[in-house]
Every structure is written in C-alpha cells, then in structure tokens.
C-alpha cells in the first residue's frame, strides 16, 4: 500500500475536544486513498445519549455532512467520534 502511494488500511479515530453546536456546523471529510472509505460517526450529547450513522466517502473525493440534516441528529451541543477504515482528513466548518 505504501509503495502504491496509498494510506495503509488501519482503523482511524478522531474525537472533538469540546462540544459542537449542530446548527451552523458541517463536517468535511477528504479521502485521499485509491479505495473508498467507510466512516462511522457517533454523536454524543451532554446526557450521554447518542446517534450513529455510517457514511461512504468515494476514493479520492471529498464529502460534506451537515449535522442539522441528520434524520435523528442532535438538537443540542454534542461531542463527535469518528471511526474509519482508512485515514480521512476531517475538518469542521461553521
């Protein structure tokens, strides 16, 4: 994988350091690999309740998710946990 110029397949994890306001925020995920990425998002609110969803990010592409568009998404500030089967580059935007 390294010689082919790809990120090695391994579990990638990311967690926000603080709470995120769901209304004006979106998550941009960039997959630089030659293979598609499966990304699991878990949103945990102050009461410890959470919702989870899986997102497919095609090879060599960028995908943007808006938290207010989640079917049963958060209505209050939350902490975000990301798990992916390949390295992705998350960026929170407001």
PDB file of N, CA and C in Angstrom:
ATOM      1  N   UNK A   1       0.827  -1.195   0.000  1.00  0.00           N
ATOM      2  CA  UNK A   1       0.000   0.000   0.000  1.00  0.00           C
ATOM      3  C   UNK A   1       0.870   1.257   0.000  1.00  0.00           C
ATOM      4  N   UNK A   2       1.931   1.233   0.794  1.00  0.00           N
ATOM      5  CA  UNK A   2       2.815   2.403   0.854  1.00  0.00           C
ATOM      6  C   UNK A   2       3.465   2.655  -0.501  1.00  0.00           C
ATOM      7  N   UNK A   3       3.968   1.616  -1.131  1.00  0.00           N
ATOM      8  CA  UNK A   3       4.622   1.763  -2.440  1.00  0.00           C
ATOM      9  C   UNK A   3       3.641   2.207  -3.520  1.00  0.00           C
ATOM     10  N   UNK A   4       2.385   1.872  -3.354  1.00  0.00           N
ATOM     11  CA  UNK A   4       1.364   2.264  -4.326  1.00  0.00           C
ATOM     12  C   UNK A   4       0.880   3.704  -4.094  1.00  0.00           C
ATOM     13  N   UNK A   5       1.420   4.355  -3.058  1.00  0.00           N
ATOM     14  CA  UNK A   5       1.031   5.736  -2.779  1.00  0.00           C
ATOM     15  C   UNK A   5      -0.279   5.857  -2.035  1.00  0.00           C
ATOM     16  N   UNK A   6      -0.684   4.796  -1.360  1.00  0.00           N
ATOM     17  CA  UNK A   6      -1.952   4.816  -0.615  1.00  0.00           C
ATOM     18  C   UNK A   6      -1.670   4.824   0.877  1.00  0.00           C
ATOM     19  N   UNK A   7      -2.609   5.335   1.636  1.00  0.00           N
ATOM     20  CA  UNK A   7      -2.529   5.217   3.081  1.00  0.00           C
ATOM     21  C   UNK A   7      -2.793   3.759   3.430  1.00  0.00           C
ATOM     22  N   UNK A   8      -2.070   3.235   4.389  1.00  0.00           N
ATOM     23  CA  UNK A   8      -2.313   1.859   4.811  1.00  0.00           C
ATOM     24  C   UNK A   8      -3.691   1.751   5.448  1.00  0.00           C
ATOM     25  N   UNK A   9      -4.381   0.657   5.160  1.00  0.00           N
ATOM     26  CA  UNK A   9      -5.681   0.442   5.790  1.00  0.00           C
ATOM     27  C   UNK A   9      -5.467   0.142   7.263  1.00  0.00           C
ATOM     28  N   UNK A  10      -6.070   0.953   8.085  1.00  0.00           N
ATOM     29  CA  UNK A  10      -5.985   0.784   9.532  1.00  0.00           C
ATOM     30  C   UNK A  10      -7.145   1.558  10.124  1.00  0.00           C
ATOM     31  N   UNK A  11      -7.456   1.269  11.344  1.00  0.00           N
ATOM     32  CA  UNK A  11      -8.555   1.980  11.990  1.00  0.00           C
ATOM     33  C   UNK A  11      -8.094   3.394  12.328  1.00  0.00           C
ATOM     34  N   UNK A  12      -8.838   4.377  11.884  1.00  0.00           N
ATOM     35  CA  UNK A  12      -8.552   5.784  12.129  1.00  0.00           C
ATOM     36  C   UNK A  12      -9.604   6.301  13.090  1.00  0.00           C
ATOM     37  N   UNK A  13      -9.180   7.044  14.132  1.00  0.00           N
ATOM     38  CA  UNK A  13     -10.131   7.573  15.102  1.00  0.00           C
ATOM     39  C   UNK A  13      -9.879   9.060  15.325  1.00  0.00           C
ATOM     40  N   UNK A  14     -10.963   9.787  15.555  1.00  0.00           N
ATOM     41  CA  UNK A  14     -10.905  11.226  15.787  1.00  0.00           C
ATOM     42  C   UNK A  14     -12.010  11.559  16.785  1.00  0.00           C
ATOM     43  N   UNK A  15     -11.716  12.441  17.710  1.00  0.00           N
ATOM     44  CA  UNK A  15     -12.733  12.888  18.670  1.00  0.00           C
ATOM     45  C   UNK A  15     -12.549  14.378  18.896  1.00  0.00           C
ATOM     46  N   UNK A  16     -13.647  15.118  18.884  1.00  0.00           N
ATOM     47  CA  UNK A  16     -13.553  16.555  19.140  1.00  0.00           C
ATOM     48  C   UNK A  16     -13.153  16.783  20.594  1.00  0.00           C
ATOM     49  N   UNK A  17     -12.458  17.885  20.821  1.00  0.00           N
ATOM     50  CA  UNK A  17     -12.015  18.203  22.178  1.00  0.00           C
ATOM     51  C   UNK A  17     -13.104  18.872  22.997  1.00  0.00           C
ATOM     52  N   UNK A  18     -14.071  19.428  22.320  1.00  0.00           N
ATOM     53  CA  UNK A  18     -15.160  20.108  23.012  1.00  0.00           C
ATOM     54  C   UNK A  18     -16.466  19.851  22.293  1.00  0.00           C
ATOM     55  N   UNK A  19     -17.498  20.502  22.770  1.00  0.00           N
ATOM     56  CA  UNK A  19     -18.816  20.301  22.176  1.00  0.00           C
ATOM     57  C   UNK A  19     -18.973  21.106  20.894  1.00  0.00           C
ATOM     58  N   UNK A  20     -19.821  20.607  20.013  1.00  0.00           N
ATOM     59  CA  UNK A  20     -20.105  21.231  18.724  1.00  0.00           C
ATOM     60  C   UNK A  20     -21.566  21.643  18.702  1.00  0.00           C
ATOM     61  N   UNK A  21     -21.841  22.835  18.215  1.00  0.00           N
ATOM     62  CA  UNK A  21     -23.220  23.298  18.024  1.00  0.00           C
ATOM     63  C   UNK A  21     -23.708  22.722  16.695  1.00  0.00           C
ATOM     64  N   UNK A  22     -24.808  21.968  16.682  1.00  0.00           N
ATOM     65  CA  UNK A  22     -25.237  21.291  15.456  1.00  0.00           C
ATOM     66  C   UNK A  22     -25.760  22.206  14.356  1.00  0.00           C
ATOM     67  N   UNK A  23     -26.271  23.366  14.697  1.00  0.00           N
ATOM     68  CA  UNK A  23     -26.924  24.198  13.682  1.00  0.00           C
ATOM     69  C   UNK A  23     -25.994  24.709  12.580  1.00  0.00           C
ATOM     70  N   UNK A  24     -24.938  25.474  12.908  1.00  0.00           N
ATOM     71  CA  UNK A  24     -24.156  26.056  11.818  1.00  0.00           C
ATOM     72  C   UNK A  24     -22.966  25.200  11.376  1.00  0.00           C
ATOM     73  N   UNK A  25     -22.853  23.974  11.883  1.00  0.00           N
ATOM     74  CA  UNK A  25     -21.631  23.214  11.682  1.00  0.00           C
ATOM     75  C   UNK A  25     -21.805  22.078  10.689  1.00  0.00           C
ATOM     76  N   UNK A  26     -20.779  21.873   9.890  1.00  0.00           N
ATOM     77  CA  UNK A  26     -20.748  20.720   8.995  1.00  0.00           C
ATOM     78  C   UNK A  26     -19.386  20.048   9.117  1.00  0.00           C
ATOM     79  N   UNK A  27     -19.288  18.838   8.629  1.00  0.00           N
ATOM     80  CA  UNK A  27     -18.055  18.062   8.665  1.00  0.00           C
ATOM     81  C   UNK A  27     -17.649  17.761   7.233  1.00  0.00           C
ATOM     82  N   UNK A  28     -16.436  18.128   6.880  1.00  0.00           N
ATOM     83  CA  UNK A  28     -15.900  17.838   5.552  1.00  0.00           C
ATOM     84  C   UNK A  28     -14.871  16.732   5.716  1.00  0.00           C
ATOM     85  N   UNK A  29     -15.047  15.637   4.970  1.00  0.00           N
ATOM     86  CA  UNK A  29     -14.126  14.504   5.040  1.00  0.00           C
ATOM     87  C   UNK A  29     -13.459  14.329   3.686  1.00  0.00           C
ATOM     88  N   UNK A  30     -12.147  14.283   3.696  1.00  0.00           N
ATOM     89  CA  UNK A  30     -11.403  14.096   2.450  1.00  0.00           C
ATOM     90  C   UNK A  30     -10.736  12.722   2.484  1.00  0.00           C
ATOM     91  N   UNK A  31     -10.976  11.932   1.455  1.00  0.00           N
ATOM     92  CA  UNK A  31     -10.373  10.611   1.316  1.00  0.00           C
ATOM     93  C   UNK A  31      -9.343  10.681   0.187  1.00  0.00           C
ATOM     94  N   UNK A  32      -8.070  10.588   0.523  1.00  0.00           N
ATOM     95  CA  UNK A  32      -7.004  10.671  -0.476  1.00  0.00           C
ATOM     96  C   UNK A  32      -6.587   9.305  -1.005  1.00  0.00           C
ATOM     97  N   UNK A  33      -7.227   8.266  -0.551  1.00  0.00           N
ATOM     98  CA  UNK A  33      -6.884   6.908  -0.951  1.00  0.00           C
ATOM     99  C   UNK A  33      -7.457   6.538  -2.308  1.00  0.00           C
ATOM    100  N   UNK A  34      -6.912   5.481  -2.881  1.00  0.00           N
ATOM    101  CA  UNK A  34      -7.443   4.922  -4.124  1.00  0.00           C
ATOM    102  C   UNK A  34      -8.623   3.993  -3.854  1.00  0.00           C
ATOM    103  N   UNK A  35      -8.962   3.802  -2.585  1.00  0.00           N
ATOM    104  CA  UNK A  35     -10.080   2.952  -2.200  1.00  0.00           C
ATOM    105  C   UNK A  35     -11.106   3.782  -1.437  1.00  0.00           C
ATOM    106  N   UNK A  36     -12.365   3.393  -1.553  1.00  0.00           N
ATOM    107  CA  UNK A  36     -13.429   4.094  -0.825  1.00  0.00           C
ATOM    108  C   UNK A  36     -13.246   3.919   0.678  1.00  0.00           C
ATOM    109  N   UNK A  37     -13.744   4.882   1.437  1.00  0.00           N
ATOM    110  CA  UNK A  37     -13.664   4.829   2.894  1.00  0.00           C
ATOM    111  C   UNK A  37     -15.072   4.664   3.469  1.00  0.00           C
ATOM    112  N   UNK A  38     -15.182   3.851   4.488  1.00  0.00           N
ATOM    113  CA  UNK A  38     -16.418   3.747   5.248  1.00  0.00           C
ATOM    114  C   UNK A  38     -16.150   4.429   6.583  1.00  0.00           C
ATOM    115  N   UNK A  39     -16.942   5.462   6.881  1.00  0.00           N
ATOM    116  CA  UNK A  39     -16.720   6.287   8.062  1.00  0.00           C
ATOM    117  C   UNK A  39     -17.932   6.169   8.975  1.00  0.00           C
ATOM    118  N   UNK A  40     -17.692   5.867  10.242  1.00  0.00           N
ATOM    119  CA  UNK A  40     -18.771   5.787  11.222  1.00  0.00           C
ATOM    120  C   UNK A  40     -18.710   7.027  12.082  1.00  0.00           C
ATOM    121  N   UNK A  41     -19.840   7.712  12.205  1.00  0.00           N
ATOM    122  CA  UNK A  41     -19.944   8.917  13.024  1.00  0.00           C
ATOM    123  C   UNK A  41     -20.840   8.627  14.218  1.00  0.00           C
ATOM    124  N   UNK A  42     -20.373   8.979  15.405  1.00  0.00           N
ATOM    125  CA  UNK A  42     -21.192   8.830  16.605  1.00  0.00           C
ATOM    126  C   UNK A  42     -21.229  10.182  17.296  1.00  0.00           C
ATOM    127  N   UNK A  43     -22.438  10.673  17.547  1.00  0.00           N
ATOM    128  CA  UNK A  43     -22.644  11.974  18.165  1.00  0.00           C
ATOM    129  C   UNK A  43     -23.193  11.758  19.566  1.00  0.00           C
ATOM    130  N   UNK A  44     -22.487  12.252  20.581  1.00  0.00           N
ATOM    131  CA  UNK A  44     -22.855  12.047  21.978  1.00  0.00           C
ATOM    132  C   UNK A  44     -23.203  13.395  22.598  1.00  0.00           C
ATOM    133  N   UNK A  45     -24.423  13.505  23.161  1.00  0.00           N
ATOM    134  CA  UNK A  45     -24.823  14.776  23.767  1.00  0.00           C
ATOM    135  C   UNK A  45     -24.482  14.803  25.257  1.00  0.00           C
ATOM    136  N   UNK A  46     -24.836  15.893  25.934  1.00  0.00           N
ATOM    137  CA  UNK A  46     -24.484  16.094  27.345  1.00  0.00           C
ATOM    138  C   UNK A  46     -25.088  15.038  28.272  1.00  0.00           C
ATOM    139  N   UNK A  47     -26.210  14.470  27.870  1.00  0.00           N
ATOM    140  CA  UNK A  47     -26.869  13.455  28.705  1.00  0.00           C
ATOM    141  C   UNK A  47     -26.326  12.065  28.444  1.00  0.00           C
ATOM    142  N   UNK A  48     -25.368  11.950  27.525  1.00  0.00           N
ATOM    143  CA  UNK A  48     -24.798  10.638  27.205  1.00  0.00           C
ATOM    144  C   UNK A  48     -25.569   9.898  26.128  1.00  0.00           C
ATOM    145  N   UNK A  49     -26.623  10.545  25.579  1.00  0.00           N
ATOM    146  CA  UNK A  49     -27.382   9.923  24.505  1.00  0.00           C
ATOM    147  C   UNK A  49     -26.638  10.137  23.204  1.00  0.00           C
ATOM    148  N   UNK A  50     -26.781   9.197  22.269  1.00  0.00           N
ATOM    149  CA  UNK A  50     -26.042   9.333  21.028  1.00  0.00           C
ATOM    150  C   UNK A  50     -26.822   8.789  19.848  1.00  0.00           C
ATOM    151  N   UNK A  51     -26.413   9.252  18.700  1.00  0.00           N
ATOM    152  CA  UNK A  51     -26.931   8.704  17.450  1.00  0.00           C
ATOM    153  C   UNK A  51     -25.716   8.355  16.600  1.00  0.00           C
ATOM    154  N   UNK A  52     -25.870   7.390  15.730  1.00  0.00           N
ATOM    155  CA  UNK A  52     -24.748   6.945  14.904  1.00  0.00           C
ATOM    156  C   UNK A  52     -25.210   6.777  13.470  1.00  0.00           C
ATOM    157  N   UNK A  53     -24.281   6.984  12.559  1.00  0.00           N
ATOM    158  CA  UNK A  53     -24.570   6.787  11.148  1.00  0.00           C
ATOM    159  C   UNK A  53     -23.276   6.409  10.438  1.00  0.00           C
ATOM    160  N   UNK A  54     -23.399   5.718   9.330  1.00  0.00           N
ATOM    161  CA  UNK A  54     -22.238   5.358   8.506  1.00  0.00           C
ATOM    162  C   UNK A  54     -22.282   6.199   7.229  1.00  0.00           C
ATOM    163  N   UNK A  55     -21.124   6.656   6.794  1.00  0.00           N
ATOM    164  CA  UNK A  55     -21.003   7.500   5.606  1.00  0.00           C
ATOM    165  C   UNK A  55     -19.978   6.875   4.667  1.00  0.00           C
ATOM    166  N   UNK A  56     -20.311   6.796   3.409  1.00  0.00           N
ATOM    167  CA  UNK A  56     -19.395   6.287   2.379  1.00  0.00           C
ATOM    168  C   UNK A  56     -18.725   7.487   1.714  1.00  0.00           C
ATOM    169  N   UNK A  57     -17.385   7.490   1.697  1.00  0.00           N
ATOM    170  CA  UNK A  57     -16.629   8.550   1.029  1.00  0.00           C
ATOM    171  C   UNK A  57     -15.873   7.892  -0.129  1.00  0.00           C
ATOM    172  N   UNK A  58     -16.264   8.171  -1.371  1.00  0.00           N
ATOM    173  CA  UNK A  58     -15.606   7.538  -2.522  1.00  0.00           C
ATOM    174  C   UNK A  58     -14.100   7.820  -2.557  1.00  0.00           C
ATOM    175  N   UNK A  59     -13.374   6.996  -3.290  1.00  0.00           N
ATOM    176  CA  UNK A  59     -11.927   7.156  -3.436  1.00  0.00           C
ATOM    177  C   UNK A  59     -11.599   8.525  -4.024  1.00  0.00           C
ATOM    178  N   UNK A  60     -10.538   9.126  -3.498  1.00  0.00           N
ATOM    179  CA  UNK A  60     -10.026  10.412  -3.992  1.00  0.00           C
ATOM    180  C   UNK A  60     -11.122  11.469  -4.141  1.00  0.00           C
ATOM    181  N   UNK A  61     -11.915  11.621  -3.091  1.00  0.00           N
ATOM    182  CA  UNK A  61     -13.007  12.591  -3.147  1.00  0.00           C
ATOM    183  C   UNK A  61     -13.228  13.223  -1.782  1.00  0.00           C
ATOM    184  N   UNK A  62     -14.114  14.203  -1.759  1.00  0.00           N
ATOM    185  CA  UNK A  62     -14.465  14.924  -0.542  1.00  0.00           C
ATOM    186  C   UNK A  62     -15.964  14.820  -0.336  1.00  0.00           C
ATOM    187  N   UNK A  63     -16.369  14.659   0.910  1.00  0.00           N
ATOM    188  CA  UNK A  63     -17.791  14.561   1.240  1.00  0.00           C
ATOM    189  C   UNK A  63     -18.072  15.491   2.391  1.00  0.00           C
ATOM    190  N   UNK A  64     -19.183  16.229   2.312  1.00  0.00           N
ATOM    191  CA  UNK A  64     -19.558  17.146   3.377  1.00  0.00           C
ATOM    192  C   UNK A  64     -20.873  16.705   3.996  1.00  0.00           C
ATOM    193  N   UNK A  65     -20.929  16.720   5.321  1.00  0.00           N
ATOM    194  CA  UNK A  65     -22.123  16.335   6.076  1.00  0.00           C
ATOM    195  C   UNK A  65     -22.539  17.533   6.930  1.00  0.00           C
ATOM    196  N   UNK A  66     -23.810  17.878   6.905  1.00  0.00           N
ATOM    197  CA  UNK A  66     -24.340  18.923   7.777  1.00  0.00           C
ATOM    198  C   UNK A  66     -25.107  18.245   8.902  1.00  0.00           C
ATOM    199  N   UNK A  67     -24.742  18.524  10.136  1.00  0.00           N
ATOM    200  CA  UNK A  67     -25.321  17.820  11.276  1.00  0.00           C
ATOM    201  C   UNK A  67     -26.813  18.082  11.439  1.00  0.00           C
ATOM    202  N   UNK A  68     -27.281  19.249  11.062  1.00  0.00           N
ATOM    203  CA  UNK A  68     -28.712  19.541  11.200  1.00  0.00           C
ATOM    204  C   UNK A  68     -29.549  18.727  10.205  1.00  0.00           C
ATOM    205  N   UNK A  69     -28.907  18.107   9.205  1.00  0.00           N
ATOM    206  CA  UNK A  69     -29.630  17.286   8.224  1.00  0.00           C
ATOM    207  C   UNK A  69     -29.796  15.832   8.652  1.00  0.00           C
ATOM    208  N   UNK A  70     -29.171  15.423   9.760  1.00  0.00           N
ATOM    209  CA  UNK A  70     -29.300  14.046  10.229  1.00  0.00           C
ATOM    210  C   UNK A  70     -30.756  13.761  10.579  1.00  0.00           C
ATOM    211  N   UNK A  71     -31.237  12.599  10.218  1.00  0.00           N
ATOM    212  CA  UNK A  71     -32.639  12.230  10.476  1.00  0.00           C
ATOM    213  C   UNK A  71     -32.973  12.327  11.963  1.00  0.00           C
ATOM    214  N   UNK A  72     -32.174  11.723  12.812  1.00  0.00           N
ATOM    215  CA  UNK A  72     -32.380  11.822  14.258  1.00  0.00           C
ATOM    216  C   UNK A  72     -31.123  12.415  14.875  1.00  0.00           C
ATOM    217  N   UNK A  73     -30.677  13.506  14.273  1.00  0.00           N
ATOM    218  CA  UNK A  73     -29.448  14.163  14.687  1.00  0.00           C
ATOM    219  C   UNK A  73     -29.608  14.959  15.964  1.00  0.00           C
ATOM    220  N   UNK A  74     -28.542  15.550  16.416  1.00  0.00           N
ATOM    221  CA  UNK A  74     -28.555  16.262  17.700  1.00  0.00           C
ATOM    222  C   UNK A  74     -29.323  17.574  17.620  1.00  0.00           C
ATOM    223  N   UNK A  75     -29.962  17.916  18.706  1.00  0.00           N
ATOM    224  CA  UNK A  75     -30.668  19.194  18.806  1.00  0.00           C
ATOM    225  C   UNK A  75     -29.953  20.114  19.794  1.00  0.00           C
ATOM    226  N   UNK A  76     -28.891  19.607  20.396  1.00  0.00           N
ATOM    227  CA  UNK A  76     -28.115  20.380  21.358  1.00  0.00           C
ATOM    228  C   UNK A  76     -26.639  20.068  21.126  1.00  0.00           C
ATOM    229  N   UNK A  77     -25.721  20.812  21.766  1.00  0.00           N
ATOM    230  CA  UNK A  77     -24.294  20.564  21.556  1.00  0.00           C
ATOM    231  C   UNK A  77     -23.914  19.105  21.825  1.00  0.00           C
ATOM    232  N   UNK A  78     -22.928  18.623  21.084  1.00  0.00           N
ATOM    233  CA  UNK A  78     -22.532  17.213  21.175  1.00  0.00           C
ATOM    234  C   UNK A  78     -21.032  17.080  20.963  1.00  0.00           C
ATOM    235  N   UNK A  79     -20.528  15.903  21.284  1.00  0.00           N
ATOM    236  CA  UNK A  79     -19.142  15.524  21.024  1.00  0.00           C
ATOM    237  C   UNK A  79     -19.177  14.530  19.877  1.00  0.00           C
ATOM    238  N   UNK A  80     -18.237  14.657  18.958  1.00  0.00           N
ATOM    239  CA  UNK A  80     -18.207  13.821  17.766  1.00  0.00           C
ATOM    240  C   UNK A  80     -17.084  12.792  17.857  1.00  0.00           C
ATOM    241  N   UNK A  81     -17.422  11.529  17.583  1.00  0.00           N
ATOM    242  CA  UNK A  81     -16.445  10.454  17.483  1.00  0.00           C
ATOM    243  C   UNK A  81     -16.471   9.961  16.037  1.00  0.00           C
ATOM    244  N   UNK A  82     -15.307   9.835  15.419  1.00  0.00           N
ATOM    245  CA  UNK A  82     -15.207   9.320  14.052  1.00  0.00           C
ATOM    246  C   UNK A  82     -14.333   8.079  14.057  1.00  0.00           C
ATOM    247  N   UNK A  83     -14.812   7.027  13.395  1.00  0.00           N
ATOM    248  CA  UNK A  83     -14.026   5.815  13.181  1.00  0.00           C
ATOM    249  C   UNK A  83     -14.083   5.524  11.696  1.00  0.00           C
ATOM    250  N   UNK A  84     -12.934   5.244  11.101  1.00  0.00           N
ATOM    251  CA  UNK A  84     -12.888   4.979   9.674  1.00  0.00           C
ATOM    252  C   UNK A  84     -11.941   3.824   9.396  1.00  0.00           C
ATOM    253  N   UNK A  85     -12.185   3.130   8.280  1.00  0.00           N
ATOM    254  CA  UNK A  85     -11.299   2.026   7.920  1.00  0.00           C
ATOM    255  C   UNK A  85     -10.088   2.487   7.115  1.00  0.00           C
ATOM    256  N   UNK A  86     -10.045   3.757   6.710  1.00  0.00           N
ATOM    257  CA  UNK A  86      -8.857   4.351   6.093  1.00  0.00           C
ATOM    258  C   UNK A  86      -8.671   5.740   6.675  1.00  0.00           C
ATOM    259  N   UNK A  87      -7.496   6.297   6.498  1.00  0.00           N
ATOM    260  CA  UNK A  87      -7.229   7.628   7.002  1.00  0.00           C
ATOM    261  C   UNK A  87      -8.043   8.646   6.217  1.00  0.00           C
ATOM    262  N   UNK A  88      -8.806   9.447   6.940  1.00  0.00           N
ATOM    263  CA  UNK A  88      -9.532  10.549   6.314  1.00  0.00           C
ATOM    264  C   UNK A  88      -9.073  11.828   6.995  1.00  0.00           C
ATOM    265  N   UNK A  89      -9.361  12.956   6.374  1.00  0.00           N
ATOM    266  CA  UNK A  89      -8.939  14.240   6.892  1.00  0.00           C
ATOM    267  C   UNK A  89     -10.196  15.044   7.220  1.00  0.00           C
ATOM    268  N   UNK A  90     -10.642  15.011   8.499  1.00  0.00           N
ATOM    269  CA  UNK A  90     -11.866  15.740   8.851  1.00  0.00           C
ATOM    270  C   UNK A  90     -11.591  17.228   9.088  1.00  0.00           C
ATOM    271  N   UNK A  91     -12.584  18.044   8.756  1.00  0.00           N
ATOM    272  CA  UNK A  91     -12.499  19.489   9.008  1.00  0.00           C
ATOM    273  C   UNK A  91     -13.897  19.967   9.373  1.00  0.00           C
ATOM    274  N   UNK A  92     -14.005  20.543  10.564  1.00  0.00           N
ATOM    275  CA  UNK A  92     -15.284  21.125  10.983  1.00  0.00           C
ATOM    276  C   UNK A  92     -15.356  22.543  10.466  1.00  0.00           C
ATOM    277  N   UNK A  93     -16.504  22.908   9.922  1.00  0.00           N
ATOM    278  CA  UNK A  93     -16.686  24.267   9.415  1.00  0.00           C
ATOM    279  C   UNK A  93     -17.911  24.880  10.052  1.00  0.00           C
ATOM    280  N   UNK A  94     -17.909  26.179  10.173  1.00  0.00           N
ATOM    281  CA  UNK A  94     -19.050  26.893  10.765  1.00  0.00           C
ATOM    282  C   UNK A  94     -19.591  27.870   9.762  1.00  0.00           C
TER     283      UNK A  94
END
